[in-house]
């Protein structure tokens, strides 16, 4: 069921939306942390990333109890379902690809490309997951996160590390979409 005027959400699986928010919150925390590898010299950037990291953790912190309280509600990842199998396959392809890319970039001394490559892989992996979970908001995340990874490659490395640009672009996207997912999922589950 999609609420009127909100085409990026399907409220049939409220728990999945809440867990999406938890994952996005943790991911925002990670990207905000990696962004501190070599930010521009001003200390203000570290404060910005610390705040994004704290907000990401808070998002996860609010979402986990809601998900646990509603664990027995409907989910796209029902045991034995094709969706669960596809989720596992996509997850392990993502992990294997990230490991392979990290090894290749380390051996070829192109580690400056590692953060953008990981971000692009994360973004692309959301494409099939949007179908697995039947959640258009995940497709929106796929597009925005992938574009953030591509932009991080193109933005000037002499100003800041590519990981800075990845975190600067991805963490706010993940936080914003996570807040939407948590709010909608909580409403769908009837949780405060």
Protein backbone atom coordinates (compact mmCIF):
# COMPACT_ATOMS: atom_id res chain seq x y z
CA UNK A 1 0.00 0.00 0.00
CA UNK A 2 1.46 3.33 -1.05
CA UNK A 3 0.25 6.39 0.84
CA UNK A 4 -1.26 9.08 -1.37
CA UNK A 5 1.35 11.53 -2.57
CA UNK A 6 4.31 9.38 -1.41
CA UNK A 7 5.30 7.25 -4.41
CA UNK A 8 8.66 6.19 -2.90
CA UNK A 9 7.15 4.15 -0.07
CA UNK A 10 5.21 0.93 0.24
CA UNK A 11 3.80 0.53 3.75
CA UNK A 12 2.93 -3.18 3.46
CA UNK A 13 6.21 -4.13 5.14
CA UNK A 14 6.67 -1.56 7.90
CA UNK A 15 9.36 -3.58 9.64
CA UNK A 16 11.40 -3.68 6.43
CA UNK A 17 11.19 0.11 6.22
CA UNK A 18 12.37 0.42 9.82
CA UNK A 19 15.27 -1.97 9.17
CA UNK A 20 16.12 0.00 6.03
CA UNK A 21 16.36 3.09 8.24
CA UNK A 22 18.63 1.21 10.68
CA UNK A 23 20.94 0.12 7.85
CA UNK A 24 20.97 3.61 6.32
CA UNK A 25 21.77 5.05 9.77
CA UNK A 26 24.74 2.73 10.28
CA UNK A 27 25.91 3.39 6.72
CA UNK A 28 25.74 7.17 7.30
CA UNK A 29 27.87 6.68 10.42
CA UNK A 30 30.45 4.69 8.44
CA UNK A 31 30.61 7.16 5.54
CA UNK A 32 30.82 10.13 7.91
CA UNK A 33 33.75 8.40 9.59
CA UNK A 34 35.56 7.51 6.36
CA UNK A 35 35.08 11.12 5.19
CA UNK A 36 37.47 12.22 7.92
CA UNK A 37 40.41 10.54 6.16
CA UNK A 38 41.61 13.83 4.64
CA UNK A 39 39.00 16.59 4.76
CA UNK A 40 39.81 20.20 3.92
CA UNK A 41 41.87 21.81 6.68
CA UNK A 42 39.10 23.54 8.59
CA UNK A 43 38.08 21.78 11.81
CA UNK A 44 34.43 22.54 11.02
CA UNK A 45 34.32 19.60 8.64
CA UNK A 46 35.18 17.20 11.44
CA UNK A 47 32.32 18.65 13.48
CA UNK A 48 29.93 18.23 10.53
CA UNK A 49 30.96 14.59 10.07
CA UNK A 50 30.78 13.89 13.79
CA UNK A 51 27.24 15.28 13.78
CA UNK A 52 26.28 13.20 10.74
CA UNK A 53 27.74 10.12 12.44
CA UNK A 54 25.82 10.78 15.65
CA UNK A 55 22.58 11.34 13.72
CA UNK A 56 23.19 8.10 11.81
CA UNK A 57 23.69 6.18 15.05
CA UNK A 58 20.61 7.84 16.57
CA UNK A 59 18.58 6.75 13.56
CA UNK A 60 19.75 3.18 14.09
CA UNK A 61 19.19 3.51 17.84
CA UNK A 62 15.57 4.57 17.38
CA UNK A 63 14.94 1.98 14.69
CA UNK A 64 16.30 -1.14 16.36
CA UNK A 65 13.81 -1.22 19.28
CA UNK A 66 10.93 -0.59 16.86
CA UNK A 67 12.09 -3.44 14.63
CA UNK A 68 12.55 -5.80 17.59
CA UNK A 69 9.09 -4.99 18.99
CA UNK A 70 7.58 -5.74 15.58
CA UNK A 71 9.78 -8.65 14.52
CA UNK A 72 6.82 -10.97 13.94
CA UNK A 73 5.13 -8.63 11.46
CA UNK A 74 5.18 -9.21 7.71
CA UNK A 75 8.48 -8.94 5.85
CA UNK A 76 9.54 -9.32 2.24
CA UNK A 77 12.29 -11.62 3.49
CA UNK A 78 10.04 -14.42 4.74
CA UNK A 79 11.91 -17.63 5.46
CA UNK A 80 12.28 -19.75 2.34
CA UNK A 81 11.06 -16.99 0.03
CA UNK A 82 12.75 -16.12 -3.28
CA UNK A 83 13.21 -12.59 -1.90
CA UNK A 84 15.36 -13.93 0.95
CA UNK A 85 17.46 -15.98 -1.46
CA UNK A 86 17.98 -12.96 -3.74
CA UNK A 87 18.86 -10.80 -0.74
CA UNK A 88 21.58 -13.26 0.30
CA UNK A 89 22.92 -13.55 -3.27
CA UNK A 90 23.04 -9.77 -3.79
CA UNK A 91 24.68 -9.22 -0.40
CA UNK A 92 27.48 -11.72 -1.06
CA UNK A 93 28.07 -10.44 -4.60
CA UNK A 94 28.46 -6.95 -3.12
CA UNK A 95 30.91 -8.17 -0.45
CA UNK A 96 32.99 -10.19 -2.95
CA UNK A 97 33.09 -7.29 -5.40
CA UNK A 98 34.23 -4.83 -2.73
CA UNK A 99 36.98 -7.20 -1.58
CA UNK A 100 38.16 -7.75 -5.16
CA UNK A 101 38.18 -4.02 -5.93
CA UNK A 102 40.04 -3.27 -2.69
CA UNK A 103 42.73 -5.83 -3.52
CA UNK A 104 43.07 -4.58 -7.10
CA UNK A 105 43.33 -0.93 -6.06
CA UNK A 106 45.80 -1.74 -3.28
CA UNK A 107 48.04 -3.72 -5.65
CA UNK A 108 47.90 -1.07 -8.38
CA UNK A 109 48.46 1.79 -5.90
CA UNK A 110 45.16 3.45 -6.76
CA UNK A 111 43.77 3.43 -3.25
CA UNK A 112 42.41 6.95 -3.81
CA UNK A 113 39.67 5.25 -5.88
CA UNK A 114 38.69 2.77 -3.18
CA UNK A 115 36.08 4.87 -1.35
CA UNK A 116 34.28 6.00 -4.53
CA UNK A 117 34.35 2.45 -5.92
CA UNK A 118 32.88 1.05 -2.70
CA UNK A 119 30.21 3.76 -2.72
CA UNK A 120 29.30 2.98 -6.33
CA UNK A 121 29.10 -0.75 -5.55
CA UNK A 122 26.88 -0.04 -2.54
CA UNK A 123 24.65 2.17 -4.70
CA UNK A 124 24.40 -0.38 -7.49
CA UNK A 125 23.62 -3.19 -5.04
CA UNK A 126 20.54 -1.25 -3.94
CA UNK A 127 19.03 -1.63 -7.45
CA UNK A 128 18.10 -5.33 -7.12
CA UNK A 129 17.30 -4.84 -3.43
CA UNK A 130 14.67 -2.26 -4.37
CA UNK A 131 12.89 -5.09 -6.20
CA UNK A 132 13.57 -7.66 -3.47
CA UNK A 133 11.95 -5.40 -0.88
CA UNK A 134 9.45 -3.82 -3.31
CA UNK A 135 10.48 -0.43 -1.89
CA UNK A 136 10.95 2.43 -4.35
CA UNK A 137 12.83 4.42 -1.69
CA UNK A 138 15.66 1.89 -2.02
CA UNK A 139 15.81 2.58 -5.77
CA UNK A 140 16.05 6.28 -4.98
CA UNK A 141 18.94 5.49 -2.63
CA UNK A 142 20.56 3.40 -5.40
CA UNK A 143 20.50 6.28 -7.86
CA UNK A 144 21.64 8.96 -5.42
CA UNK A 145 24.39 6.89 -3.78
CA UNK A 146 25.75 5.72 -7.15
CA UNK A 147 25.80 9.31 -8.42
CA UNK A 148 27.57 10.37 -5.22
CA UNK A 149 30.27 7.78 -5.86
CA UNK A 150 30.75 8.95 -9.45
CA UNK A 151 30.86 12.59 -8.32
CA UNK A 152 33.50 11.74 -5.70
CA UNK A 153 35.78 10.48 -8.47
CA UNK A 154 35.37 13.74 -10.39
CA UNK A 155 35.70 16.21 -7.51
CA UNK A 156 39.16 17.68 -6.84
CA UNK A 157 41.47 15.42 -4.83
CA UNK A 158 43.81 18.31 -4.14
CA UNK A 159 41.05 19.88 -2.01
CA UNK A 160 40.22 16.71 -0.07
CA UNK A 161 40.44 12.94 -0.30
CA UNK A 162 37.85 11.14 -2.42
CA UNK A 163 36.58 9.57 0.80
CA UNK A 164 35.75 13.09 2.04
CA UNK A 165 33.58 13.69 -1.02
CA UNK A 166 31.95 10.26 -0.61
CA UNK A 167 31.00 10.97 2.99
CA UNK A 168 30.01 14.55 2.28
CA UNK A 169 27.58 13.41 -0.40
CA UNK A 170 26.43 10.00 0.86
CA UNK A 171 25.96 10.50 4.61
CA UNK A 172 23.28 13.22 4.29
CA UNK A 173 21.47 11.18 1.62
CA UNK A 174 21.45 8.11 3.86
CA UNK A 175 20.31 10.11 6.88
CA UNK A 176 17.50 11.84 4.97
CA UNK A 177 16.19 8.65 3.37
CA UNK A 178 16.62 6.82 6.67
CA UNK A 179 14.47 9.38 8.50
CA UNK A 180 11.75 9.00 5.84
CA UNK A 181 11.93 5.19 6.06
CA UNK A 182 11.87 5.16 9.88
CA UNK A 183 8.97 7.59 10.07
CA UNK A 184 6.90 5.73 7.47
CA UNK A 185 7.77 2.31 8.88
CA UNK A 186 6.87 3.38 12.41
CA UNK A 187 3.55 4.80 11.21
CA UNK A 188 2.83 1.61 9.26
CA UNK A 189 3.53 -0.48 12.37
CA UNK A 190 1.53 1.82 14.62
CA UNK A 191 4.63 2.54 16.71
CA UNK A 192 5.37 5.94 18.24
